[in-house]
Amino acid sequence: MKGLVLRGSRNIFTVRSDGGDPSALSALGGVEFECRIKGKVLKGVDGYYNPLAPGDQVRFEVDPLHSQKGLILGLEERTRILTRFNRKGQAPQILAANVDLVCCVTTTSAPPFRPRFLDRAILQADIAGIPVVVLCNKSDLLETDPDTEVRLRDYERIGYQVLRVSACTGEGIDTLRSLMANRFSVLLGQSGVGKSSLVNALIPGIHSKVGLLNEKYDRGNHTTTMSVALELPGCENRTFIIDTPGLRHLVPDGIQGDDLILYLRDFAPLAGTCAYGLSCSHQSEPGCKILEAVAAGEIHEDRYESFLRIQDELRG
């Protein structure tokens, strides 16, 4: 049988059956099974911190002694995977597989707007070649923070789609639902930005747990403890939202420090044009086109600061 991985923890995975062949097994379509990897080793997942993630398509067999349990036999070929570098395991960690859209969730306040994290989330989607949209949740508070609106407009200038939404008032929710239709979409963001609230707004009755802000640090507490795929009803084709745990920090995966400039849309056109060519560190050299662009306002100062920090982290 074939199935979709909905979630997993400690090598126990919830797999939804696709129904298998159109004979007797078709009655099992849509049934969820608690599965383990047969033999505890799965081919094709070497080098990753976790073997499977929500969105993965697998082959499995039902346990003859337990009708709701099974063994995962193999992994179907993946298309695009969203990863991050896991410092604890010193290996790439798969957040979601076979992704069609990454929704980078941020907020204007409560918790505060954090463009450094947003730059990293967008970068990781671009590295994977996955379309990305910036979701500014709690947009009903946007008028109180004009600086955030300036930054959002800068992302639009660079070429990213920005959608202002509010899980509280419902603003932009219908537009977001249409954007996600017939796709596998990932909600990626820090704790407290309202990912679970957006899920509740998109899928009425799902009752995802919503956390309160930590008043001392003005940041969110973890309520989603593992990535989970949730089906969005009312669409012609299979549509899933993959809700990920809030991340405190995101270390980009899949590139080296020297290649970073090639993955930033506002930096890439200037790659190799500096007086020192590709050897330029873009920090103090005369004739640096990146520094000139920052001085001219063509690259936002915050974006430049993100570039330096990420480059230093990747090289370190």
C-alpha atoms as a PDB file:
ATOM      1  CA  MET A   1       0.000   0.000   0.000  1.00  0.00           C
ATOM      2  CA  LYS A   2       0.978   3.627  -0.416  1.00  0.00           C
ATOM      3  CA  GLY A   3       0.318   6.396   2.032  1.00  0.00           C
ATOM      4  CA  LEU A   4       1.068   9.931   3.168  1.00  0.00           C
ATOM      5  CA  VAL A   5       3.084  10.666   6.301  1.00  0.00           C
ATOM      6  CA  LEU A   6       1.051  13.070   8.448  1.00  0.00           C
ATOM      7  CA  ARG A   7       3.380  13.319  11.439  1.00  0.00           C
ATOM      8  CA  GLY A   8       6.078  11.401  13.265  1.00  0.00           C
ATOM      9  CA  SER A   9       8.020  11.301  16.505  1.00  0.00           C
ATOM     10  CA  ARG A  10      10.698   8.944  17.791  1.00  0.00           C
ATOM     11  CA  ASN A  11      10.431   6.802  14.648  1.00  0.00           C
ATOM     12  CA  ILE A  12       6.683   6.260  15.037  1.00  0.00           C
ATOM     13  CA  PHE A  13       4.783   7.745  12.098  1.00  0.00           C
ATOM     14  CA  THR A  14       1.122   8.330  11.360  1.00  0.00           C
ATOM     15  CA  VAL A  15       0.475   7.319   7.746  1.00  0.00           C
ATOM     16  CA  ARG A  16      -2.782   7.928   5.861  1.00  0.00           C
ATOM     17  CA  SER A  17      -3.490   5.233   3.309  1.00  0.00           C
ATOM     18  CA  ASP A  18      -4.044   6.168  -0.331  1.00  0.00           C
ATOM     19  CA  GLY A  19      -6.094   3.009  -0.750  1.00  0.00           C
ATOM     20  CA  GLY A  20      -3.578   0.785  -2.503  1.00  0.00           C
ATOM     21  CA  ASP A  21      -4.842  -1.137  -5.502  1.00  0.00           C
ATOM     22  CA  PRO A  22      -8.448  -0.626  -6.604  1.00  0.00           C
ATOM     23  CA  SER A  23      -9.596  -4.010  -5.292  1.00  0.00           C
ATOM     24  CA  ALA A  24     -10.063  -4.980  -1.644  1.00  0.00           C
ATOM     25  CA  LEU A  25      -7.536  -2.481  -0.309  1.00  0.00           C
ATOM     26  CA  SER A  26      -9.476   0.466  -1.727  1.00  0.00           C
ATOM     27  CA  ALA A  27     -11.708   0.310   1.330  1.00  0.00           C
ATOM     28  CA  LEU A  28      -8.725   1.402   3.410  1.00  0.00           C
ATOM     29  CA  GLY A  29      -8.295   4.698   1.548  1.00  0.00           C
ATOM     30  CA  GLY A  30      -8.051   7.561   4.046  1.00  0.00           C
ATOM     31  CA  VAL A  31      -7.455   5.283   7.052  1.00  0.00           C
ATOM     32  CA  GLU A  32      -4.625   6.274   9.384  1.00  0.00           C
ATOM     33  CA  PHE A  33      -2.055   3.745  10.573  1.00  0.00           C
ATOM     34  CA  GLU A  34       0.578   3.894  13.285  1.00  0.00           C
ATOM     35  CA  CYS A  35       3.722   2.767  11.473  1.00  0.00           C
ATOM     36  CA  ARG A  36       7.328   1.974  12.211  1.00  0.00           C
ATOM     37  CA  ILE A  37      10.153   1.516   9.728  1.00  0.00           C
ATOM     38  CA  LYS A  38      10.680  -2.139   8.907  1.00  0.00           C
ATOM     39  CA  GLY A  39      14.140  -3.111  10.029  1.00  0.00           C
ATOM     40  CA  LYS A  40      14.577   0.423  11.491  1.00  0.00           C
ATOM     41  CA  VAL A  41      16.600   1.482   8.427  1.00  0.00           C
ATOM     42  CA  LEU A  42      15.104   3.186   5.376  1.00  0.00           C
ATOM     43  CA  LYS A  43      16.970   3.489   2.092  1.00  0.00           C
ATOM     44  CA  GLY A  44      17.451   6.950   0.633  1.00  0.00           C
ATOM     45  CA  VAL A  45      17.471   8.920   3.890  1.00  0.00           C
ATOM     46  CA  ASP A  46      21.167   8.781   4.741  1.00  0.00           C
ATOM     47  CA  GLY A  47      22.630  11.993   6.104  1.00  0.00           C
ATOM     48  CA  TYR A  48      19.390  13.445   7.480  1.00  0.00           C
ATOM     49  CA  TYR A  49      18.607  14.003  11.151  1.00  0.00           C
ATOM     50  CA  ASN A  50      15.129  12.476  10.668  1.00  0.00           C
ATOM     51  CA  PRO A  51      14.253   9.761   8.137  1.00  0.00           C
ATOM     52  CA  LEU A  52      10.726  10.944   7.297  1.00  0.00           C
ATOM     53  CA  ALA A  53       8.656  14.114   7.535  1.00  0.00           C
ATOM     54  CA  PRO A  54       5.063  15.204   6.889  1.00  0.00           C
ATOM     55  CA  GLY A  55       4.380  15.203   3.157  1.00  0.00           C
ATOM     56  CA  ASP A  56       6.485  12.111   2.442  1.00  0.00           C
ATOM     57  CA  GLN A  57       4.883   9.376   0.340  1.00  0.00           C
ATOM     58  CA  VAL A  58       5.749   5.871   1.557  1.00  0.00           C
ATOM     59  CA  ARG A  59       5.057   2.233   0.811  1.00  0.00           C
ATOM     60  CA  PHE A  60       3.850   0.210   3.794  1.00  0.00           C
ATOM     61  CA  GLU A  61       2.140  -2.998   4.805  1.00  0.00           C
ATOM     62  CA  VAL A  62      -0.546  -3.526   7.431  1.00  0.00           C
ATOM     63  CA  ASP A  63       0.426  -5.535  10.505  1.00  0.00           C
ATOM     64  CA  PRO A  64      -1.611  -8.784  10.247  1.00  0.00           C
ATOM     65  CA  LEU A  65      -1.950  -8.858  14.038  1.00  0.00           C
ATOM     66  CA  HIS A  66      -2.921  -5.187  14.503  1.00  0.00           C
ATOM     67  CA  SER A  67      -5.288  -3.700  11.918  1.00  0.00           C
ATOM     68  CA  GLN A  68      -4.367  -0.076  12.727  1.00  0.00           C
ATOM     69  CA  LYS A  69      -0.595  -0.600  12.704  1.00  0.00           C
ATOM     70  CA  GLY A  70       1.888  -1.111   9.897  1.00  0.00           C
ATOM     71  CA  LEU A  71       5.480  -1.310   8.745  1.00  0.00           C
ATOM     72  CA  ILE A  72       7.022   1.214   6.357  1.00  0.00           C
ATOM     73  CA  LEU A  73       8.840  -0.601   3.555  1.00  0.00           C
ATOM     74  CA  GLY A  74      10.132   2.225   1.356  1.00  0.00           C
ATOM     75  CA  LEU A  75      10.102   5.901   0.480  1.00  0.00           C
ATOM     76  CA  GLU A  76       8.701   7.274  -2.784  1.00  0.00           C
ATOM     77  CA  GLU A  77      10.876   9.784  -4.651  1.00  0.00           C
ATOM     78  CA  ARG A  78      10.687  13.258  -3.146  1.00  0.00           C
ATOM     79  CA  THR A  79      10.315  16.477  -5.105  1.00  0.00           C
ATOM     80  CA  ARG A  80      11.132  19.524  -2.971  1.00  0.00           C
ATOM     81  CA  ILE A  81      11.993  19.301   0.706  1.00  0.00           C
ATOM     82  CA  LEU A  82      12.171  22.105   3.257  1.00  0.00           C
ATOM     83  CA  THR A  83      15.049  21.633   5.664  1.00  0.00           C
ATOM     84  CA  ARG A  84      17.078  23.419   8.298  1.00  0.00           C
ATOM     85  CA  PHE A  85      20.439  22.578   9.836  1.00  0.00           C
ATOM     86  CA  ASN A  86      19.963  20.824  13.181  1.00  0.00           C
ATOM     87  CA  ARG A  87      22.789  21.892  15.472  1.00  0.00           C
ATOM     88  CA  LYS A  88      22.128  19.141  18.010  1.00  0.00           C
ATOM     89  CA  GLY A  89      22.422  16.381  15.432  1.00  0.00           C
ATOM     90  CA  GLN A  90      24.864  18.267  13.195  1.00  0.00           C
ATOM     91  CA  ALA A  91      22.819  17.227  10.171  1.00  0.00           C
ATOM     92  CA  PRO A  92      20.031  18.546   7.930  1.00  0.00           C
ATOM     93  CA  GLN A  93      16.559  18.154   9.449  1.00  0.00           C
ATOM     94  CA  ILE A  94      13.584  17.741   7.108  1.00  0.00           C
ATOM     95  CA  LEU A  95      10.676  19.950   8.184  1.00  0.00           C
ATOM     96  CA  ALA A  96       8.366  18.929   5.323  1.00  0.00           C
ATOM     97  CA  ALA A  97       8.543  16.975   2.061  1.00  0.00           C
ATOM     98  CA  ASN A  98       7.018  17.421  -1.404  1.00  0.00           C
ATOM     99  CA  VAL A  99       6.262  21.059  -0.639  1.00  0.00           C
ATOM    100  CA  ASP A 100       4.540  23.390  -3.134  1.00  0.00           C
ATOM    101  CA  LEU A 101       4.470  26.597  -1.095  1.00  0.00           C
ATOM    102  CA  VAL A 102       6.264  27.990   1.967  1.00  0.00           C
ATOM    103  CA  CYS A 103       4.318  30.530   4.011  1.00  0.00           C
ATOM    104  CA  CYS A 104       6.784  32.484   6.143  1.00  0.00           C
ATOM    105  CA  VAL A 105       4.660  33.741   9.034  1.00  0.00           C
ATOM    106  CA  THR A 106       5.581  36.900  10.891  1.00  0.00           C
ATOM    107  CA  THR A 107       3.728  39.525  12.899  1.00  0.00           C
ATOM    108  CA  THR A 108       3.963  43.237  13.462  1.00  0.00           C
ATOM    109  CA  SER A 109       3.851  42.974  17.255  1.00  0.00           C
ATOM    110  CA  ALA A 110       3.136  40.514  20.089  1.00  0.00           C
ATOM    111  CA  PRO A 111       5.737  39.150  19.403  1.00  0.00           C
ATOM    112  CA  PRO A 112       7.664  41.942  17.677  1.00  0.00           C
ATOM    113  CA  PHE A 113       8.454  41.867  13.974  1.00  0.00           C
ATOM    114  CA  ARG A 114      11.776  40.032  13.520  1.00  0.00           C
ATOM    115  CA  PRO A 115      13.133  40.546   9.998  1.00  0.00           C
ATOM    116  CA  ARG A 116      16.338  38.601  10.747  1.00  0.00           C
ATOM    117  CA  PHE A 117      14.374  35.369  11.164  1.00  0.00           C
ATOM    118  CA  LEU A 118      12.169  36.187   8.186  1.00  0.00           C
ATOM    119  CA  ASP A 119      15.246  36.634   5.990  1.00  0.00           C
ATOM    120  CA  ARG A 120      16.427  33.160   6.997  1.00  0.00           C
ATOM    121  CA  ALA A 121      13.050  31.525   6.383  1.00  0.00           C
ATOM    122  CA  ILE A 122      12.756  33.099   2.941  1.00  0.00           C
ATOM    123  CA  LEU A 123      16.337  32.116   2.143  1.00  0.00           C
ATOM    124  CA  GLN A 124      15.699  28.472   3.053  1.00  0.00           C
ATOM    125  CA  ALA A 125      12.678  28.344   0.748  1.00  0.00           C
ATOM    126  CA  ASP A 126      14.711  29.886  -2.085  1.00  0.00           C
ATOM    127  CA  ILE A 127      17.537  27.379  -1.540  1.00  0.00           C
ATOM    128  CA  ALA A 128      14.991  24.557  -1.931  1.00  0.00           C
ATOM    129  CA  GLY A 129      13.446  26.190  -4.998  1.00  0.00           C
ATOM    130  CA  ILE A 130      10.020  26.387  -3.363  1.00  0.00           C
ATOM    131  CA  PRO A 131       7.682  29.342  -4.020  1.00  0.00           C
ATOM    132  CA  VAL A 132       7.350  31.549  -0.948  1.00  0.00           C
ATOM    133  CA  VAL A 133       4.854  34.043   0.415  1.00  0.00           C
ATOM    134  CA  VAL A 134       5.325  36.310   3.438  1.00  0.00           C
ATOM    135  CA  LEU A 135       2.307  36.184   5.775  1.00  0.00           C
ATOM    136  CA  CYS A 136       2.040  39.115   8.161  1.00  0.00           C
ATOM    137  CA  ASN A 137      -0.408  37.841  10.765  1.00  0.00           C
ATOM    138  CA  LYS A 138      -2.158  40.133  13.284  1.00  0.00           C
ATOM    139  CA  SER A 139      -2.400  42.714  10.514  1.00  0.00           C
ATOM    140  CA  ASP A 140      -5.071  44.492  12.550  1.00  0.00           C
ATOM    141  CA  LEU A 141      -2.144  45.795  14.634  1.00  0.00           C
ATOM    142  CA  LEU A 142      -0.128  46.944  11.614  1.00  0.00           C
ATOM    143  CA  GLU A 143      -1.206  50.587  11.773  1.00  0.00           C
ATOM    144  CA  THR A 144       0.569  50.968  15.119  1.00  0.00           C
ATOM    145  CA  ASP A 145       3.937  49.982  13.618  1.00  0.00           C
ATOM    146  CA  PRO A 146       4.792  51.936  10.432  1.00  0.00           C
ATOM    147  CA  ASP A 147       8.376  50.581  10.462  1.00  0.00           C
ATOM    148  CA  THR A 148       7.098  47.053   9.875  1.00  0.00           C
ATOM    149  CA  GLU A 149       4.998  48.244   6.936  1.00  0.00           C
ATOM    150  CA  VAL A 150       8.133  49.807   5.427  1.00  0.00           C
ATOM    151  CA  ARG A 151       9.960  46.474   5.693  1.00  0.00           C
ATOM    152  CA  LEU A 152       7.028  44.553   4.203  1.00  0.00           C
ATOM    153  CA  ARG A 153       6.993  46.910   1.235  1.00  0.00           C
ATOM    154  CA  ASP A 154      10.709  46.304   0.812  1.00  0.00           C
ATOM    155  CA  TYR A 155      10.088  42.551   0.538  1.00  0.00           C
ATOM    156  CA  GLU A 156       7.493  43.312  -2.130  1.00  0.00           C
ATOM    157  CA  ARG A 157      10.019  45.505  -3.943  1.00  0.00           C
ATOM    158  CA  ILE A 158      12.514  42.630  -3.945  1.00  0.00           C
ATOM    159  CA  GLY A 159       9.891  40.413  -5.562  1.00  0.00           C
ATOM    160  CA  TYR A 160       8.210  38.456  -2.764  1.00  0.00           C
ATOM    161  CA  GLN A 161       4.464  38.199  -2.401  1.00  0.00           C
ATOM    162  CA  VAL A 162       3.328  39.675   0.913  1.00  0.00           C
ATOM    163  CA  LEU A 163      -0.106  38.878   2.297  1.00  0.00           C
ATOM    164  CA  ARG A 164      -1.467  40.755   5.304  1.00  0.00           C
ATOM    165  CA  VAL A 165      -3.787  38.490   7.286  1.00  0.00           C
ATOM    166  CA  SER A 166      -5.476  38.326  10.669  1.00  0.00           C
ATOM    167  CA  ALA A 167      -6.634  35.100  12.268  1.00  0.00           C
ATOM    168  CA  CYS A 168      -8.578  37.301  14.705  1.00  0.00           C
ATOM    169  CA  THR A 169     -10.586  39.455  12.272  1.00  0.00           C
ATOM    170  CA  GLY A 170     -10.501  37.108   9.269  1.00  0.00           C
ATOM    171  CA  GLU A 171      -8.727  39.619   7.025  1.00  0.00           C
ATOM    172  CA  GLY A 172      -6.984  37.877   4.121  1.00  0.00           C
ATOM    173  CA  ILE A 173      -8.019  34.355   5.209  1.00  0.00           C
ATOM    174  CA  ASP A 174     -10.077  33.664   2.068  1.00  0.00           C
ATOM    175  CA  THR A 175      -7.198  34.882  -0.106  1.00  0.00           C
ATOM    176  CA  LEU A 176      -4.804  32.628   1.795  1.00  0.00           C
ATOM    177  CA  ARG A 177      -7.147  29.639   1.426  1.00  0.00           C
ATOM    178  CA  SER A 178      -7.283  30.200  -2.331  1.00  0.00           C
ATOM    179  CA  LEU A 179      -3.504  30.484  -2.462  1.00  0.00           C
ATOM    180  CA  MET A 180      -3.139  27.135  -0.690  1.00  0.00           C
ATOM    181  CA  ALA A 181      -5.776  25.280  -2.724  1.00  0.00           C
ATOM    182  CA  ASN A 182      -4.525  22.098  -4.449  1.00  0.00           C
ATOM    183  CA  ARG A 183      -1.080  22.468  -2.871  1.00  0.00           C
ATOM    184  CA  PHE A 184       1.026  21.165  -0.018  1.00  0.00           C
ATOM    185  CA  SER A 185       1.807  24.333   1.954  1.00  0.00           C
ATOM    186  CA  VAL A 186       4.063  24.828   4.973  1.00  0.00           C
ATOM    187  CA  LEU A 187       3.572  27.359   7.766  1.00  0.00           C
ATOM    188  CA  LEU A 188       7.030  28.381   8.981  1.00  0.00           C
ATOM    189  CA  GLY A 189       7.724  30.901  11.710  1.00  0.00           C
ATOM    190  CA  GLN A 190       8.759  31.598  15.272  1.00  0.00           C
ATOM    191  CA  SER A 191       6.654  30.745  18.317  1.00  0.00           C
ATOM    192  CA  GLY A 192       3.841  33.167  18.997  1.00  0.00           C
ATOM    193  CA  VAL A 193       3.288  34.490  15.461  1.00  0.00           C
ATOM    194  CA  GLY A 194      -0.055  32.696  15.263  1.00  0.00           C
ATOM    195  CA  LYS A 195       0.483  29.671  13.016  1.00  0.00           C
ATOM    196  CA  SER A 196      -1.965  27.562  15.010  1.00  0.00           C
ATOM    197  CA  SER A 197      -4.488  30.414  15.016  1.00  0.00           C
ATOM    198  CA  LEU A 198      -4.221  30.576  11.218  1.00  0.00           C
ATOM    199  CA  VAL A 199      -4.840  26.816  11.029  1.00  0.00           C
ATOM    200  CA  ASN A 200      -7.969  27.256  13.159  1.00  0.00           C
ATOM    201  CA  ALA A 201      -9.164  30.051  10.861  1.00  0.00           C
ATOM    202  CA  LEU A 202      -8.502  28.001   7.713  1.00  0.00           C
ATOM    203  CA  ILE A 203      -9.964  24.735   9.038  1.00  0.00           C
ATOM    204  CA  PRO A 204     -12.936  25.530  11.282  1.00  0.00           C
ATOM    205  CA  GLY A 205     -13.419  22.957  14.018  1.00  0.00           C
ATOM    206  CA  ILE A 206      -9.850  21.652  14.011  1.00  0.00           C
ATOM    207  CA  HIS A 207      -9.134  23.293  17.388  1.00  0.00           C
ATOM    208  CA  SER A 208      -5.349  23.468  17.144  1.00  0.00           C
ATOM    209  CA  LYS A 209      -3.857  24.429  20.488  1.00  0.00           C
ATOM    210  CA  VAL A 210      -3.053  28.141  20.695  1.00  0.00           C
ATOM    211  CA  GLY A 211      -0.374  29.365  23.093  1.00  0.00           C
ATOM    212  CA  LEU A 212       0.043  32.560  25.084  1.00  0.00           C
ATOM    213  CA  LEU A 213       2.992  34.914  24.805  1.00  0.00           C
ATOM    214  CA  ASN A 214       5.767  34.811  27.367  1.00  0.00           C
ATOM    215  CA  GLU A 215       5.312  38.275  28.897  1.00  0.00           C
ATOM    216  CA  LYS A 216       8.867  38.438  30.266  1.00  0.00           C
ATOM    217  CA  TYR A 217      10.553  37.890  26.898  1.00  0.00           C
ATOM    218  CA  ASP A 218       7.686  38.999  24.584  1.00  0.00           C
ATOM    219  CA  ARG A 219       7.911  35.826  22.547  1.00  0.00           C
ATOM    220  CA  GLY A 220       5.791  32.739  22.056  1.00  0.00           C
ATOM    221  CA  ASN A 221       5.786  29.464  23.926  1.00  0.00           C
ATOM    222  CA  HIS A 222       5.899  26.186  22.005  1.00  0.00           C
ATOM    223  CA  THR A 223       2.406  24.731  21.474  1.00  0.00           C
ATOM    224  CA  THR A 224       3.035  22.710  18.292  1.00  0.00           C
ATOM    225  CA  THR A 225       5.671  20.139  19.251  1.00  0.00           C
ATOM    226  CA  MET A 226       6.062  18.381  15.904  1.00  0.00           C
ATOM    227  CA  SER A 227       5.344  19.080  12.242  1.00  0.00           C
ATOM    228  CA  VAL A 228       1.911  17.811  11.238  1.00  0.00           C
ATOM    229  CA  ALA A 229       0.039  17.677   7.915  1.00  0.00           C
ATOM    230  CA  LEU A 230      -3.605  18.755   8.079  1.00  0.00           C
ATOM    231  CA  GLU A 231      -6.057  18.467   5.183  1.00  0.00           C
ATOM    232  CA  LEU A 232      -7.728  21.662   3.982  1.00  0.00           C
ATOM    233  CA  PRO A 233     -11.304  20.746   2.982  1.00  0.00           C
ATOM    234  CA  GLY A 234     -13.323  22.133   0.107  1.00  0.00           C
ATOM    235  CA  CYS A 235     -10.641  21.896  -2.604  1.00  0.00           C
ATOM    236  CA  GLU A 236     -10.827  19.974  -5.868  1.00  0.00           C
ATOM    237  CA  ASN A 237      -7.515  18.181  -5.333  1.00  0.00           C
ATOM    238  CA  ARG A 238      -5.645  17.084  -2.237  1.00  0.00           C
ATOM    239  CA  THR A 239      -4.705  20.145  -0.211  1.00  0.00           C
ATOM    240  CA  PHE A 240      -2.652  20.006   2.963  1.00  0.00           C
ATOM    241  CA  ILE A 241      -1.258  22.519   5.416  1.00  0.00           C
ATOM    242  CA  ILE A 242       1.905  21.411   7.192  1.00  0.00           C
ATOM    243  CA  ASP A 243       2.110  23.230  10.521  1.00  0.00           C
ATOM    244  CA  THR A 244       5.641  23.286  11.939  1.00  0.00           C
ATOM    245  CA  PRO A 245       6.805  23.913  15.516  1.00  0.00           C
ATOM    246  CA  GLY A 246       7.853  27.466  16.296  1.00  0.00           C
ATOM    247  CA  LEU A 247      11.591  27.910  15.798  1.00  0.00           C
ATOM    248  CA  ARG A 248      13.744  30.078  18.009  1.00  0.00           C
ATOM    249  CA  HIS A 249      16.541  30.140  15.436  1.00  0.00           C
ATOM    250  CA  LEU A 250      16.912  28.852  11.887  1.00  0.00           C
ATOM    251  CA  VAL A 251      20.334  27.869  10.593  1.00  0.00           C
ATOM    252  CA  PRO A 252      20.165  27.676   6.767  1.00  0.00           C
ATOM    253  CA  ASP A 253      20.933  24.318   5.185  1.00  0.00           C
ATOM    254  CA  GLY A 254      22.188  23.422   1.733  1.00  0.00           C
ATOM    255  CA  ILE A 255      24.659  26.193   0.885  1.00  0.00           C
ATOM    256  CA  GLN A 256      28.139  27.409   1.788  1.00  0.00           C
ATOM    257  CA  GLY A 257      28.927  30.892   3.056  1.00  0.00           C
ATOM    258  CA  ASP A 258      30.597  31.931  -0.195  1.00  0.00           C
ATOM    259  CA  ASP A 259      27.446  31.040  -2.170  1.00  0.00           C
ATOM    260  CA  LEU A 260      25.027  32.982   0.022  1.00  0.00           C
ATOM    261  CA  ILE A 261      25.013  36.073  -2.202  1.00  0.00           C
ATOM    262  CA  LEU A 262      23.650  33.979  -5.081  1.00  0.00           C
ATOM    263  CA  TYR A 263      20.495  33.076  -3.127  1.00  0.00           C
ATOM    264  CA  LEU A 264      19.490  36.577  -2.006  1.00  0.00           C
ATOM    265  CA  ARG A 265      17.353  38.162  -4.725  1.00  0.00           C
ATOM    266  CA  ASP A 266      18.492  41.728  -4.062  1.00  0.00           C
ATOM    267  CA  PHE A 267      22.178  40.718  -3.805  1.00  0.00           C
ATOM    268  CA  ALA A 268      22.479  38.176  -6.629  1.00  0.00           C
ATOM    269  CA  PRO A 269      22.519  40.668  -9.557  1.00  0.00           C
ATOM    270  CA  LEU A 270      25.634  42.273  -8.030  1.00  0.00           C
ATOM    271  CA  ALA A 271      27.585  39.032  -7.529  1.00  0.00           C
ATOM    272  CA  GLY A 272      31.040  39.275  -9.098  1.00  0.00           C
ATOM    273  CA  THR A 273      30.708  42.970  -9.979  1.00  0.00           C
ATOM    274  CA  CYS A 274      32.804  44.307  -7.087  1.00  0.00           C
ATOM    275  CA  ALA A 275      36.340  45.586  -7.649  1.00  0.00           C
ATOM    276  CA  TYR A 276      37.633  42.396  -6.012  1.00  0.00           C
ATOM    277  CA  GLY A 277      35.154  40.204  -7.876  1.00  0.00           C
ATOM    278  CA  LEU A 278      33.946  37.096  -6.127  1.00  0.00           C
ATOM    279  CA  SER A 279      36.739  37.466  -3.545  1.00  0.00           C
ATOM    280  CA  CYS A 280      35.030  40.519  -2.021  1.00  0.00           C
ATOM    281  CA  SER A 281      33.786  40.014   1.540  1.00  0.00           C
ATOM    282  CA  HIS A 282      31.352  42.928   1.127  1.00  0.00           C
ATOM    283  CA  GLN A 283      32.402  44.423   4.442  1.00  0.00           C
ATOM    284  CA  SER A 284      35.041  47.114   3.879  1.00  0.00           C
ATOM    285  CA  GLU A 285      36.632  46.738   0.436  1.00  0.00           C
ATOM    286  CA  PRO A 286      36.736  49.781  -1.855  1.00  0.00           C
ATOM    287  CA  GLY A 287      34.641  49.342  -4.984  1.00  0.00           C
ATOM    288  CA  CYS A 288      32.216  46.925  -3.282  1.00  0.00           C
ATOM    289  CA  LYS A 289      28.927  47.099  -5.166  1.00  0.00           C
ATOM    290  CA  ILE A 290      26.991  45.630  -2.238  1.00  0.00           C
ATOM    291  CA  LEU A 291      28.151  48.409   0.101  1.00  0.00           C
ATOM    292  CA  GLU A 292      27.341  50.971  -2.576  1.00  0.00           C
ATOM    293  CA  ALA A 293      23.842  49.516  -2.953  1.00  0.00           C
ATOM    294  CA  VAL A 294      23.303  49.683   0.813  1.00  0.00           C
ATOM    295  CA  ALA A 295      24.469  53.320   0.889  1.00  0.00           C
ATOM    296  CA  ALA A 296      22.120  54.145  -1.995  1.00  0.00           C
ATOM    297  CA  GLY A 297      19.146  52.471  -0.296  1.00  0.00           C
ATOM    298  CA  GLU A 298      18.885  49.787  -2.978  1.00  0.00           C
ATOM    299  CA  ILE A 299      19.547  47.113  -0.342  1.00  0.00           C
ATOM    300  CA  HIS A 300      17.912  47.656   3.039  1.00  0.00           C
ATOM    301  CA  GLU A 301      20.331  47.990   5.962  1.00  0.00           C
ATOM    302  CA  ASP A 302      18.534  45.221   7.855  1.00  0.00           C
ATOM    303  CA  ARG A 303      18.910  42.869   4.884  1.00  0.00           C
ATOM    304  CA  TYR A 304      22.620  43.658   4.736  1.00  0.00           C
ATOM    305  CA  GLU A 305      22.959  42.943   8.463  1.00  0.00           C
ATOM    306  CA  SER A 306      21.164  39.612   7.964  1.00  0.00           C
ATOM    307  CA  PHE A 307      23.552  38.806   5.105  1.00  0.00           C
ATOM    308  CA  LEU A 308      26.614  39.393   7.303  1.00  0.00           C
ATOM    309  CA  ARG A 309      25.271  37.322  10.178  1.00  0.00           C
ATOM    310  CA  ILE A 310      24.199  34.386   8.018  1.00  0.00           C
ATOM    311  CA  GLN A 311      27.463  34.433   6.057  1.00  0.00           C
ATOM    312  CA  ASP A 312      29.494  34.425   9.272  1.00  0.00           C
ATOM    313  CA  GLU A 313      27.392  31.565  10.669  1.00  0.00           C
ATOM    314  CA  LEU A 314      27.738  29.446   7.537  1.00  0.00           C
ATOM    315  CA  ARG A 315      31.489  29.964   7.420  1.00  0.00           C
ATOM    316  CA  GLY A 316      31.860  29.232  11.105  1.00  0.00           C
END
